[in-house]
N, C-alpha and C. Protein backbone atom coordinates (compact mmCIF):
# COMPACT_ATOMS: atom_id res chain seq x y z
N MET A 1 82.81 -40.03 24.31
CA MET A 1 81.53 -39.41 24.18
C MET A 1 81.28 -39.17 22.70
N ARG A 2 80.04 -39.45 22.28
CA ARG A 2 79.70 -39.23 20.88
C ARG A 2 78.26 -38.73 20.80
N PRO A 3 77.96 -37.88 19.84
CA PRO A 3 76.59 -37.39 19.72
C PRO A 3 75.65 -38.52 19.34
N ALA A 4 74.48 -38.50 19.91
CA ALA A 4 73.50 -39.54 19.62
C ALA A 4 72.27 -38.99 18.91
N GLY A 5 72.19 -37.68 18.79
CA GLY A 5 71.06 -37.10 18.08
C GLY A 5 70.10 -36.36 19.00
N THR A 6 68.94 -36.10 18.46
CA THR A 6 67.92 -35.34 19.18
C THR A 6 66.88 -36.29 19.75
N ALA A 7 66.42 -35.96 20.94
CA ALA A 7 65.38 -36.75 21.60
C ALA A 7 64.37 -35.79 22.22
N LEU A 8 63.30 -36.34 22.75
CA LEU A 8 62.34 -35.53 23.50
C LEU A 8 62.44 -35.90 24.97
N ARG A 9 62.30 -34.87 25.82
CA ARG A 9 62.27 -35.08 27.26
C ARG A 9 60.86 -34.76 27.74
N LEU A 10 60.23 -35.72 28.35
CA LEU A 10 58.91 -35.58 28.94
C LEU A 10 59.09 -35.43 30.44
N THR A 11 58.62 -34.33 30.99
CA THR A 11 58.74 -34.09 32.43
C THR A 11 57.35 -34.04 33.03
N LEU A 12 57.10 -34.91 34.00
CA LEU A 12 55.82 -34.97 34.69
C LEU A 12 56.00 -34.42 36.09
N LEU A 13 55.15 -33.50 36.48
CA LEU A 13 55.20 -32.90 37.81
C LEU A 13 54.06 -33.50 38.63
N LEU A 14 54.42 -34.37 39.56
CA LEU A 14 53.45 -35.11 40.35
C LEU A 14 53.60 -34.78 41.82
N GLY A 15 52.68 -35.30 42.61
CA GLY A 15 52.80 -35.27 44.07
C GLY A 15 53.05 -36.68 44.55
N GLU A 16 53.75 -36.82 45.68
CA GLU A 16 54.08 -38.16 46.15
C GLU A 16 52.84 -38.95 46.55
N ASP A 17 51.72 -38.28 46.79
CA ASP A 17 50.49 -38.97 47.15
C ASP A 17 49.64 -39.35 45.94
N ASP A 18 50.03 -38.95 44.74
CA ASP A 18 49.28 -39.30 43.53
C ASP A 18 49.36 -40.81 43.32
N ARG A 19 48.22 -41.42 43.05
CA ARG A 19 48.13 -42.87 42.96
C ARG A 19 47.54 -43.33 41.63
N HIS A 20 47.93 -44.53 41.24
CA HIS A 20 47.30 -45.27 40.16
C HIS A 20 46.87 -46.58 40.80
N ARG A 21 45.58 -46.73 40.95
CA ARG A 21 45.03 -47.82 41.75
C ARG A 21 45.60 -47.69 43.16
N HIS A 22 46.33 -48.65 43.67
CA HIS A 22 46.86 -48.55 45.04
C HIS A 22 48.36 -48.32 45.06
N HIS A 23 48.94 -47.96 43.92
CA HIS A 23 50.39 -47.80 43.83
C HIS A 23 50.75 -46.35 43.53
N PRO A 24 51.93 -45.90 43.96
CA PRO A 24 52.36 -44.54 43.61
C PRO A 24 52.38 -44.34 42.10
N LEU A 25 51.86 -43.21 41.64
CA LEU A 25 51.76 -42.94 40.21
C LEU A 25 53.12 -42.92 39.54
N HIS A 26 54.14 -42.39 40.22
CA HIS A 26 55.46 -42.34 39.60
C HIS A 26 56.01 -43.74 39.32
N ARG A 27 55.68 -44.71 40.15
CA ARG A 27 56.12 -46.10 39.88
C ARG A 27 55.41 -46.67 38.66
N GLU A 28 54.15 -46.33 38.50
CA GLU A 28 53.41 -46.79 37.33
C GLU A 28 53.97 -46.18 36.05
N VAL A 29 54.36 -44.91 36.10
CA VAL A 29 54.98 -44.27 34.94
C VAL A 29 56.27 -44.99 34.57
N VAL A 30 57.11 -45.29 35.56
CA VAL A 30 58.37 -46.01 35.31
C VAL A 30 58.08 -47.38 34.70
N ARG A 31 57.10 -48.09 35.26
CA ARG A 31 56.76 -49.42 34.74
C ARG A 31 56.31 -49.35 33.29
N ARG A 32 55.45 -48.39 32.98
CA ARG A 32 54.94 -48.27 31.61
C ARG A 32 56.01 -47.80 30.63
N ALA A 33 56.89 -46.91 31.07
CA ALA A 33 57.98 -46.45 30.20
C ALA A 33 58.91 -47.60 29.86
N ARG A 34 59.20 -48.43 30.85
CA ARG A 34 60.06 -49.59 30.60
C ARG A 34 59.38 -50.57 29.64
N ALA A 35 58.09 -50.81 29.86
CA ALA A 35 57.34 -51.71 28.99
C ALA A 35 57.27 -51.17 27.56
N ALA A 36 57.28 -49.84 27.41
CA ALA A 36 57.24 -49.21 26.08
C ALA A 36 58.61 -49.18 25.41
N GLY A 37 59.64 -49.62 26.13
CA GLY A 37 60.98 -49.66 25.55
C GLY A 37 61.70 -48.32 25.53
N LEU A 38 61.23 -47.37 26.33
CA LEU A 38 61.90 -46.06 26.38
C LEU A 38 63.24 -46.21 27.10
N PRO A 39 64.28 -45.54 26.60
CA PRO A 39 65.64 -45.80 27.10
C PRO A 39 66.00 -45.22 28.46
N GLY A 40 65.26 -44.23 28.96
CA GLY A 40 65.66 -43.64 30.22
C GLY A 40 64.54 -42.97 30.98
N VAL A 41 64.47 -43.26 32.28
CA VAL A 41 63.50 -42.64 33.17
C VAL A 41 64.20 -42.33 34.49
N THR A 42 63.94 -41.15 35.04
CA THR A 42 64.48 -40.78 36.35
C THR A 42 63.36 -40.19 37.19
N VAL A 43 63.30 -40.57 38.46
CA VAL A 43 62.34 -40.02 39.41
C VAL A 43 63.12 -39.22 40.45
N LEU A 44 62.71 -37.98 40.64
CA LEU A 44 63.35 -37.09 41.62
C LEU A 44 62.32 -36.66 42.65
N ARG A 45 62.66 -36.81 43.91
CA ARG A 45 61.77 -36.36 44.99
C ARG A 45 62.20 -34.97 45.44
N GLY A 46 61.23 -34.10 45.59
CA GLY A 46 61.53 -32.73 45.99
C GLY A 46 61.38 -32.51 47.48
N ASP A 47 62.10 -31.55 48.01
CA ASP A 47 62.00 -31.17 49.41
C ASP A 47 60.94 -30.11 49.65
N GLU A 48 60.59 -29.40 48.58
CA GLU A 48 59.65 -28.30 48.75
C GLU A 48 59.04 -27.94 47.41
N GLY A 49 57.79 -27.51 47.43
CA GLY A 49 57.14 -27.08 46.20
C GLY A 49 55.69 -26.68 46.45
N TYR A 50 55.07 -26.13 45.43
CA TYR A 50 53.64 -25.85 45.50
C TYR A 50 53.05 -26.05 44.12
N GLY A 51 51.74 -26.21 44.08
CA GLY A 51 51.05 -26.46 42.83
C GLY A 51 49.95 -25.46 42.60
N ARG A 52 48.91 -25.92 41.93
CA ARG A 52 47.86 -25.01 41.48
C ARG A 52 47.08 -24.35 42.62
N HIS A 53 47.15 -24.91 43.84
CA HIS A 53 46.42 -24.32 44.97
C HIS A 53 47.29 -23.38 45.79
N TRP A 54 48.54 -23.18 45.38
CA TRP A 54 49.47 -22.23 46.00
C TRP A 54 49.83 -22.59 47.44
N GLN A 55 49.55 -23.81 47.87
CA GLN A 55 49.91 -24.23 49.22
C GLN A 55 51.31 -24.85 49.18
N VAL A 56 52.22 -24.32 49.98
CA VAL A 56 53.60 -24.82 50.00
C VAL A 56 53.65 -26.13 50.77
N HIS A 57 54.29 -27.13 50.17
CA HIS A 57 54.53 -28.42 50.80
C HIS A 57 56.03 -28.51 51.01
N THR A 58 56.45 -28.80 52.24
CA THR A 58 57.88 -28.77 52.54
C THR A 58 58.25 -29.83 53.57
N THR A 59 59.50 -30.24 53.57
CA THR A 59 59.99 -31.18 54.58
C THR A 59 60.44 -30.42 55.83
N ARG A 60 60.50 -29.10 55.77
CA ARG A 60 60.97 -28.31 56.91
C ARG A 60 59.96 -28.26 58.04
N LEU A 61 58.70 -28.41 57.74
CA LEU A 61 57.65 -28.36 58.76
C LEU A 61 56.97 -29.72 58.82
N VAL A 62 56.94 -30.31 60.01
CA VAL A 62 56.40 -31.67 60.15
C VAL A 62 54.96 -31.75 59.68
N ASP A 63 54.14 -30.76 60.01
CA ASP A 63 52.73 -30.82 59.62
C ASP A 63 52.51 -30.54 58.13
N ARG A 64 53.54 -30.10 57.42
CA ARG A 64 53.43 -29.85 55.98
C ARG A 64 54.19 -30.88 55.15
N ALA A 65 54.73 -31.90 55.77
CA ALA A 65 55.58 -32.88 55.07
C ALA A 65 54.74 -33.93 54.36
N GLU A 66 53.73 -33.51 53.67
CA GLU A 66 52.94 -34.41 52.83
C GLU A 66 52.70 -33.75 51.49
N ARG A 67 52.34 -34.54 50.53
CA ARG A 67 52.15 -34.07 49.14
C ARG A 67 53.40 -33.40 48.60
N LEU A 68 54.55 -33.93 48.95
CA LEU A 68 55.80 -33.39 48.44
C LEU A 68 55.89 -33.63 46.94
N PRO A 69 56.61 -32.78 46.22
CA PRO A 69 56.69 -32.93 44.76
C PRO A 69 57.55 -34.11 44.34
N VAL A 70 57.14 -34.72 43.24
CA VAL A 70 57.89 -35.79 42.59
C VAL A 70 57.96 -35.42 41.11
N VAL A 71 59.17 -35.41 40.55
CA VAL A 71 59.37 -35.10 39.14
C VAL A 71 59.81 -36.38 38.44
N VAL A 72 59.11 -36.74 37.37
CA VAL A 72 59.48 -37.91 36.57
C VAL A 72 59.95 -37.40 35.22
N ILE A 73 61.16 -37.78 34.83
CA ILE A 73 61.74 -37.37 33.55
C ILE A 73 61.92 -38.60 32.69
N VAL A 74 61.33 -38.56 31.50
CA VAL A 74 61.42 -39.67 30.55
C VAL A 74 62.05 -39.13 29.27
N VAL A 75 63.06 -39.80 28.76
CA VAL A 75 63.74 -39.36 27.54
C VAL A 75 63.68 -40.48 26.51
N GLY A 76 63.43 -40.09 25.25
CA GLY A 76 63.40 -41.09 24.19
C GLY A 76 63.22 -40.46 22.83
N GLU A 77 63.08 -41.33 21.84
CA GLU A 77 62.85 -40.88 20.47
C GLU A 77 61.54 -40.09 20.42
N PRO A 78 61.49 -39.03 19.61
CA PRO A 78 60.29 -38.19 19.57
C PRO A 78 58.98 -38.95 19.35
N ALA A 79 58.95 -39.86 18.40
CA ALA A 79 57.70 -40.60 18.13
C ALA A 79 57.30 -41.46 19.32
N ALA A 80 58.26 -42.09 19.96
CA ALA A 80 57.97 -42.95 21.11
C ALA A 80 57.47 -42.14 22.30
N ILE A 81 58.06 -40.99 22.54
CA ILE A 81 57.62 -40.13 23.65
C ILE A 81 56.22 -39.60 23.39
N ARG A 82 55.96 -39.18 22.15
CA ARG A 82 54.61 -38.66 21.83
C ARG A 82 53.56 -39.75 21.99
N ALA A 83 53.88 -40.98 21.61
CA ALA A 83 52.95 -42.09 21.77
C ALA A 83 52.75 -42.43 23.24
N PHE A 84 53.78 -42.29 24.04
CA PHE A 84 53.74 -42.64 25.46
C PHE A 84 53.02 -41.59 26.29
N ARG A 85 53.13 -40.35 25.89
CA ARG A 85 52.69 -39.21 26.71
C ARG A 85 51.27 -39.32 27.20
N GLY A 86 50.34 -39.70 26.36
CA GLY A 86 48.96 -39.80 26.80
C GLY A 86 48.36 -38.45 27.13
N GLU A 87 47.46 -38.44 28.13
CA GLU A 87 46.76 -37.22 28.51
C GLU A 87 47.34 -36.66 29.80
N GLY A 88 46.97 -35.43 30.11
CA GLY A 88 47.41 -34.82 31.35
C GLY A 88 48.48 -33.77 31.12
N ALA A 89 48.74 -33.00 32.16
CA ALA A 89 49.72 -31.92 32.09
C ALA A 89 51.14 -32.47 32.12
N ALA A 90 51.96 -31.98 31.22
CA ALA A 90 53.35 -32.42 31.15
C ALA A 90 54.17 -31.36 30.44
N LEU A 91 55.46 -31.37 30.68
CA LEU A 91 56.39 -30.52 29.94
C LEU A 91 57.07 -31.39 28.90
N LEU A 92 57.19 -30.88 27.70
CA LEU A 92 57.80 -31.63 26.61
C LEU A 92 58.80 -30.71 25.92
N ASP A 93 60.06 -31.13 25.88
CA ASP A 93 61.06 -30.31 25.20
C ASP A 93 62.08 -31.17 24.47
N GLU A 94 62.66 -30.56 23.44
CA GLU A 94 63.67 -31.24 22.63
C GLU A 94 65.02 -31.12 23.31
N VAL A 95 65.76 -32.23 23.35
CA VAL A 95 67.09 -32.23 23.97
C VAL A 95 68.09 -32.89 23.03
N ASP A 96 69.35 -32.47 23.14
CA ASP A 96 70.43 -33.12 22.41
C ASP A 96 71.01 -34.21 23.30
N CYS A 97 71.09 -35.41 22.78
CA CYS A 97 71.61 -36.53 23.55
C CYS A 97 73.08 -36.77 23.22
N ILE A 98 73.82 -37.08 24.25
CA ILE A 98 75.23 -37.45 24.10
C ILE A 98 75.39 -38.79 24.78
N ARG A 99 76.02 -39.71 24.11
CA ARG A 99 76.24 -41.04 24.68
C ARG A 99 77.66 -41.14 25.19
N TYR A 100 77.78 -41.64 26.39
CA TYR A 100 79.08 -41.90 26.98
C TYR A 100 79.33 -43.39 26.92
N SER A 101 80.52 -43.77 26.51
CA SER A 101 80.84 -45.19 26.44
C SER A 101 81.78 -45.55 27.58
N ARG A 102 81.69 -46.79 28.01
CA ARG A 102 82.57 -47.27 29.08
C ARG A 102 83.96 -47.52 28.54
N GLY A 103 84.93 -47.31 29.41
CA GLY A 103 86.30 -47.60 29.01
C GLY A 103 86.87 -46.53 28.11
N ARG A 104 88.09 -46.75 27.70
CA ARG A 104 88.78 -45.78 26.84
C ARG A 104 88.82 -46.28 25.41
N ARG A 105 88.57 -45.40 24.51
CA ARG A 105 88.69 -45.72 23.08
C ARG A 105 89.92 -45.03 22.54
N ARG A 106 90.65 -45.72 21.72
CA ARG A 106 91.86 -45.12 21.13
C ARG A 106 91.77 -45.13 19.65
């Protein structure tokens, strides 16, 4: 493990029903991040959450198992993340990156 420096983490809080054209919005974010050369993207699906309308969406109740939360985390160089971010609500924070290498180094 070796330090790699400081990066920015962009966190997008979406709903699973959010769309870009006819495709899930989180897939479009992943596609664009890859095209922009950003080194890491992770999509996490939530079991429960609520947003600006205070309505709880959960997998525990069949009639409420829609609009579940999706979190997209993108990490990269500060300038690249700022250029990628675009418009809309997002969380942006500075993180320390550590790189892990495969195998053993002696």
